[in-house]
Amino acid sequence: MTPWGPLVLYAAFFATHTLDRLLSHYGYAAVGVFVMIESLGVPFPGETMVITAALYAGTTHHLSVWLIWLAAAAGAVVGDNIGFGIGYWGGFRLLVRYGSKIRLNQAKLKVGKLMFDRHGGKVVFFGRFVSILRTYAAFLAGTNRMLYWRFLGFNAAGGILWSAIYAFGFYYAGSALKSVRGPVDYGLGGAAAVIVVAGVWWIRRNERRLEAEAERAYPGPLEGTRRERAPR
C-alpha cells in the first residue's frame, strides 16, 4: 500500500458512512475542515463534503447554503495557502538539495519555475475544478516559488467560484447534477491529463531554449533561502 493508502481508505469511509452525521453535529465547520484538508495536499473528500452539505441543506433546511459556500471557500483558500507554504519552504528546498538524484538538475528546476511564473495562475485557478490538481496545485505552486500575491489572487478567485458552483448548484439542482457528476469529473480529468502530457511533450521539444530563457531569468544557482525575481 502507498503512503497515502490509509488516508484514501479513511476518506472513503467518511464519504460513504458518516458525512451526514458529521454535518448534523458540526455543520459548517465540517465543510470548512474537509475542504481545507483536501486543499493542503491530502487526498480527502472535500468536494464530496460540499456536495453532501448542499444536498443536506436542500432536503432538511438545517443549514444555510450561503454559509456552506462561505465555509467551503474559506477552507479552500486557507488549505491552499498552507499547501503553498509547505511547497515553498519544504518542497523547493528538497528539490534544490536532492533533485539531481531524480534527474531534476538546476536547469530543469529553473524551467519549472519559469513555467509557473508564466502560467501558474491558470494552473492554480483551473486546477481547483479538477480532482487531482485541486489537491496538489497549491503545493506545486509553492514548490516552484510562484509569486505569493499572484498565487493568492488566482487561488481566492478559483476557490470562491468553485465553492459557489458546487454549493448553490447542488442545493438547487442536486439530483440532476449528481447524475452527471461522474461523467463530468472523468471528462475534466481526461482533459487535464491530455493538457499535462501535451505540456510535458512541448517542454521536452523546447528544452534547450527554455533552459536558456530560465537561466537568463534566474542567473546563478538556485538557493532555498534566496527570493528569486520573476521574469519579465
Protein backbone atom coordinates (compact mmCIF):
# COMPACT_ATOMS: atom_id res chain seq x y z
CA MET A 1 0.00 0.00 0.00
CA THR A 2 1.25 3.51 -0.84
CA PRO A 3 1.91 6.07 1.95
CA TRP A 4 -1.43 7.65 1.05
CA GLY A 5 -3.28 4.31 1.24
CA PRO A 6 -4.56 4.66 4.83
CA LEU A 7 -5.70 8.23 4.15
CA VAL A 8 -7.55 7.19 1.00
CA LEU A 9 -9.32 4.40 2.88
CA TYR A 10 -10.09 6.81 5.72
CA ALA A 11 -11.53 9.32 3.25
CA ALA A 12 -13.60 6.59 1.57
CA PHE A 13 -15.02 5.62 4.97
CA PHE A 14 -16.05 9.21 5.60
CA ALA A 15 -17.52 9.60 2.12
CA THR A 16 -19.76 6.56 2.38
CA HIS A 17 -20.73 6.35 6.04
CA THR A 18 -20.50 9.44 8.19
CA LEU A 19 -20.71 12.70 6.26
CA ASP A 20 -24.37 13.29 7.08
CA ARG A 21 -23.70 12.59 10.75
CA LEU A 22 -20.72 14.96 10.78
CA LEU A 23 -22.86 17.65 9.18
CA SER A 24 -25.60 17.21 11.76
CA HIS A 25 -23.07 17.54 14.61
CA TYR A 26 -20.53 20.06 13.30
CA GLY A 27 -22.29 21.77 10.40
CA TYR A 28 -20.28 24.40 8.59
CA ALA A 29 -17.07 23.60 10.49
CA ALA A 30 -17.08 20.09 8.96
CA VAL A 31 -17.38 21.60 5.47
CA GLY A 32 -14.51 24.03 6.02
CA VAL A 33 -12.20 21.47 7.61
CA PHE A 34 -12.77 18.80 4.95
CA VAL A 35 -12.13 21.25 2.11
CA MET A 36 -9.07 22.66 3.90
CA ILE A 37 -7.51 19.21 4.39
CA GLU A 38 -8.02 18.32 0.73
CA SER A 39 -6.62 21.66 -0.41
CA LEU A 40 -3.40 21.49 1.59
CA GLY A 41 -2.32 18.37 -0.31
CA VAL A 42 -4.01 15.37 1.37
CA PRO A 43 -6.37 13.10 -0.64
CA PHE A 44 -9.61 13.77 1.25
CA PRO A 45 -13.31 14.08 0.24
CA GLY A 46 -13.57 17.86 0.44
CA GLU A 47 -15.62 18.17 -2.75
CA THR A 48 -17.87 15.32 -1.63
CA MET A 49 -18.46 17.09 1.68
CA VAL A 50 -19.55 20.29 -0.09
CA ILE A 51 -21.95 18.31 -2.29
CA THR A 52 -23.29 16.37 0.69
CA ALA A 53 -23.76 19.58 2.68
CA ALA A 54 -25.62 21.25 -0.18
CA LEU A 55 -27.92 18.25 -0.63
CA TYR A 56 -28.41 18.04 3.14
CA ALA A 57 -29.32 21.73 3.28
CA GLY A 58 -31.71 21.38 0.36
CA THR A 59 -33.60 18.46 1.90
CA THR A 60 -33.56 19.32 5.62
CA HIS A 61 -33.08 23.12 5.59
CA HIS A 62 -30.98 22.74 8.76
CA LEU A 63 -28.06 24.54 7.12
CA SER A 64 -27.82 27.71 5.06
CA VAL A 65 -26.43 27.28 1.55
CA TRP A 66 -24.83 30.72 1.84
CA LEU A 67 -22.84 29.69 4.90
CA ILE A 68 -21.92 26.37 3.24
CA TRP A 69 -20.49 28.40 0.37
CA LEU A 70 -18.55 30.68 2.71
CA ALA A 71 -17.21 27.74 4.74
CA ALA A 72 -16.10 25.88 1.60
CA ALA A 73 -14.47 28.99 0.13
CA ALA A 74 -12.65 29.73 3.39
CA GLY A 75 -11.47 26.13 3.66
CA ALA A 76 -10.22 26.18 0.07
CA VAL A 77 -8.27 29.42 0.47
CA VAL A 78 -6.79 28.54 3.87
CA GLY A 79 -5.88 24.98 2.84
CA ASP A 80 -4.28 26.09 -0.41
CA ASN A 81 -2.22 28.68 1.43
CA ILE A 82 -0.94 26.02 3.83
CA GLY A 83 -0.14 23.73 0.89
CA PHE A 84 1.64 26.60 -0.85
CA GLY A 85 3.69 27.26 2.28
CA ILE A 86 4.67 23.59 2.58
CA GLY A 87 5.83 23.57 -1.01
CA TYR A 88 7.56 26.96 -0.75
CA TRP A 89 9.54 26.24 2.41
CA GLY A 90 9.83 22.45 2.18
CA GLY A 91 9.32 21.08 -1.31
CA PHE A 92 11.51 23.67 -3.03
CA ARG A 93 14.45 23.19 -0.69
CA LEU A 94 14.24 19.41 -1.01
CA LEU A 95 14.31 19.64 -4.81
CA VAL A 96 17.22 22.07 -4.79
CA ARG A 97 19.19 19.77 -2.49
CA TYR A 98 18.18 16.32 -3.74
CA GLY A 99 16.54 16.89 -7.14
CA SER A 100 19.64 15.73 -9.00
CA LYS A 101 19.05 12.23 -7.61
CA ILE A 102 15.83 12.01 -9.66
CA ARG A 103 17.27 13.85 -12.70
CA LEU A 104 15.90 17.24 -11.72
CA ASN A 105 19.02 19.36 -12.01
CA GLN A 106 19.20 23.13 -11.55
CA ALA A 107 18.40 23.81 -15.20
CA LYS A 108 15.18 21.77 -15.08
CA LEU A 109 14.15 23.33 -11.76
CA LYS A 110 14.58 26.76 -13.29
CA VAL A 111 12.40 25.73 -16.25
CA GLY A 112 9.70 24.58 -13.82
CA LYS A 113 9.84 27.92 -12.03
CA LEU A 114 9.74 29.79 -15.34
CA MET A 115 6.62 27.86 -16.41
CA PHE A 116 4.86 28.59 -13.11
CA ASP A 117 5.79 32.26 -13.24
CA ARG A 118 4.26 32.43 -16.71
CA HIS A 119 1.33 30.03 -16.45
CA GLY A 120 0.95 29.25 -12.74
CA GLY A 121 -2.17 31.41 -12.45
CA LYS A 122 -4.01 29.16 -14.92
CA VAL A 123 -2.86 26.03 -13.07
CA VAL A 124 -3.99 27.37 -9.70
CA PHE A 125 -7.34 28.72 -10.92
CA PHE A 126 -8.46 25.90 -13.24
CA GLY A 127 -6.82 23.24 -11.07
CA ARG A 128 -9.48 23.95 -8.43
CA PHE A 129 -12.04 22.30 -10.76
CA VAL A 130 -10.05 19.10 -11.45
CA SER A 131 -9.87 16.46 -8.72
CA ILE A 132 -6.15 15.61 -8.70
CA LEU A 133 -4.96 19.14 -9.47
CA ARG A 134 -7.22 20.54 -6.75
CA THR A 135 -5.22 18.57 -4.18
CA TYR A 136 -1.71 19.36 -5.44
CA ALA A 137 -1.84 22.63 -7.42
CA ALA A 138 -1.06 24.85 -4.42
CA PHE A 139 1.83 22.63 -3.31
CA LEU A 140 3.29 22.66 -6.83
CA ALA A 141 2.91 26.45 -6.99
CA GLY A 142 4.84 26.79 -3.74
CA THR A 143 7.48 24.28 -4.77
CA ASN A 144 8.09 26.26 -7.97
CA ARG A 145 8.22 29.52 -5.96
CA MET A 146 5.30 31.20 -7.70
CA LEU A 147 4.98 34.81 -6.53
CA TYR A 148 2.73 34.69 -3.48
CA TRP A 149 0.42 37.63 -4.20
CA ARG A 150 -0.20 36.30 -7.71
CA PHE A 151 -0.91 32.86 -6.29
CA LEU A 152 -3.25 34.32 -3.67
CA GLY A 153 -5.33 36.19 -6.25
CA PHE A 154 -5.86 33.21 -8.56
CA ASN A 155 -6.31 30.87 -5.60
CA ALA A 156 -9.01 33.03 -3.98
CA ALA A 157 -10.84 33.52 -7.28
CA GLY A 158 -10.82 29.79 -8.04
CA GLY A 159 -11.83 28.77 -4.52
CA ILE A 160 -14.71 31.25 -4.32
CA LEU A 161 -16.08 30.33 -7.77
CA TRP A 162 -15.65 26.58 -7.26
CA SER A 163 -17.39 26.58 -3.88
CA ALA A 164 -20.25 28.72 -5.24
CA ILE A 165 -20.84 26.39 -8.19
CA TYR A 166 -20.90 23.26 -6.03
CA ALA A 167 -22.82 24.71 -3.08
CA PHE A 168 -25.55 26.53 -4.98
CA GLY A 169 -25.62 24.09 -7.89
CA PHE A 170 -26.25 21.01 -5.74
CA TYR A 171 -28.57 22.92 -3.41
CA TYR A 172 -30.92 23.97 -6.21
CA ALA A 173 -30.42 21.13 -8.71
CA GLY A 174 -28.93 18.35 -6.62
CA SER A 175 -30.39 15.22 -8.19
CA ALA A 176 -29.79 16.38 -11.76
CA LEU A 177 -26.19 17.42 -11.09
CA LYS A 178 -25.46 14.28 -9.07
CA SER A 179 -26.35 12.09 -12.05
CA VAL A 180 -23.87 13.87 -14.35
CA ARG A 181 -21.11 14.43 -11.79
CA GLY A 182 -19.23 11.23 -12.67
CA PRO A 183 -19.04 11.85 -16.43
CA VAL A 184 -18.09 15.49 -15.87
CA ASP A 185 -15.32 14.52 -13.44
CA TYR A 186 -13.99 11.93 -15.88
CA GLY A 187 -14.15 14.43 -18.73
CA LEU A 188 -12.29 17.12 -16.79
CA GLY A 189 -9.73 14.58 -15.59
CA GLY A 190 -9.16 13.31 -19.12
CA ALA A 191 -8.81 16.84 -20.49
CA ALA A 192 -6.34 17.71 -17.72
CA ALA A 193 -4.30 14.57 -18.46
CA VAL A 194 -4.14 15.46 -22.17
CA ILE A 195 -3.04 19.01 -21.36
CA VAL A 196 -0.35 17.78 -18.95
CA VAL A 197 1.00 15.22 -21.44
CA ALA A 198 0.98 17.81 -24.23
CA GLY A 199 2.74 20.31 -21.96
CA VAL A 200 5.44 17.82 -20.99
CA TRP A 201 5.94 16.92 -24.66
CA TRP A 202 6.23 20.60 -25.64
CA ILE A 203 8.73 21.29 -22.84
CA ARG A 204 10.85 18.31 -23.89
CA ARG A 205 10.84 19.52 -27.51
CA ASN A 206 11.89 23.02 -26.46
CA GLU A 207 14.06 22.04 -23.51
CA ARG A 208 17.29 23.77 -24.51
CA ARG A 209 15.58 27.04 -25.44
CA LEU A 210 13.58 27.05 -22.19
CA GLU A 211 16.68 26.29 -20.14
CA ALA A 212 18.46 29.25 -21.76
CA GLU A 213 15.48 31.54 -21.03
CA ALA A 214 15.26 30.29 -17.46
CA GLU A 215 18.97 30.88 -16.90
CA ARG A 216 18.62 34.47 -18.11
CA ALA A 217 15.64 34.97 -15.79
CA TYR A 218 17.30 33.31 -12.77
CA PRO A 219 21.08 33.56 -13.21
CA GLY A 220 23.32 31.60 -10.91
CA PRO A 221 22.46 28.69 -8.61
CA LEU A 222 19.02 28.37 -7.05
CA GLU A 223 19.13 28.75 -3.31
CA GLY A 224 16.46 27.59 -0.91
CA THR A 225 16.60 30.77 1.14
CA ARG A 226 17.01 33.38 -1.57
CA ARG A 227 13.98 35.03 -3.15
CA GLU A 228 14.28 34.90 -6.93
CA ARG A 229 12.93 37.69 -9.07
CA ALA A 230 10.12 36.97 -11.51
CA PRO A 231 10.90 37.00 -15.23
CA ARG A 232 9.56 39.82 -17.35
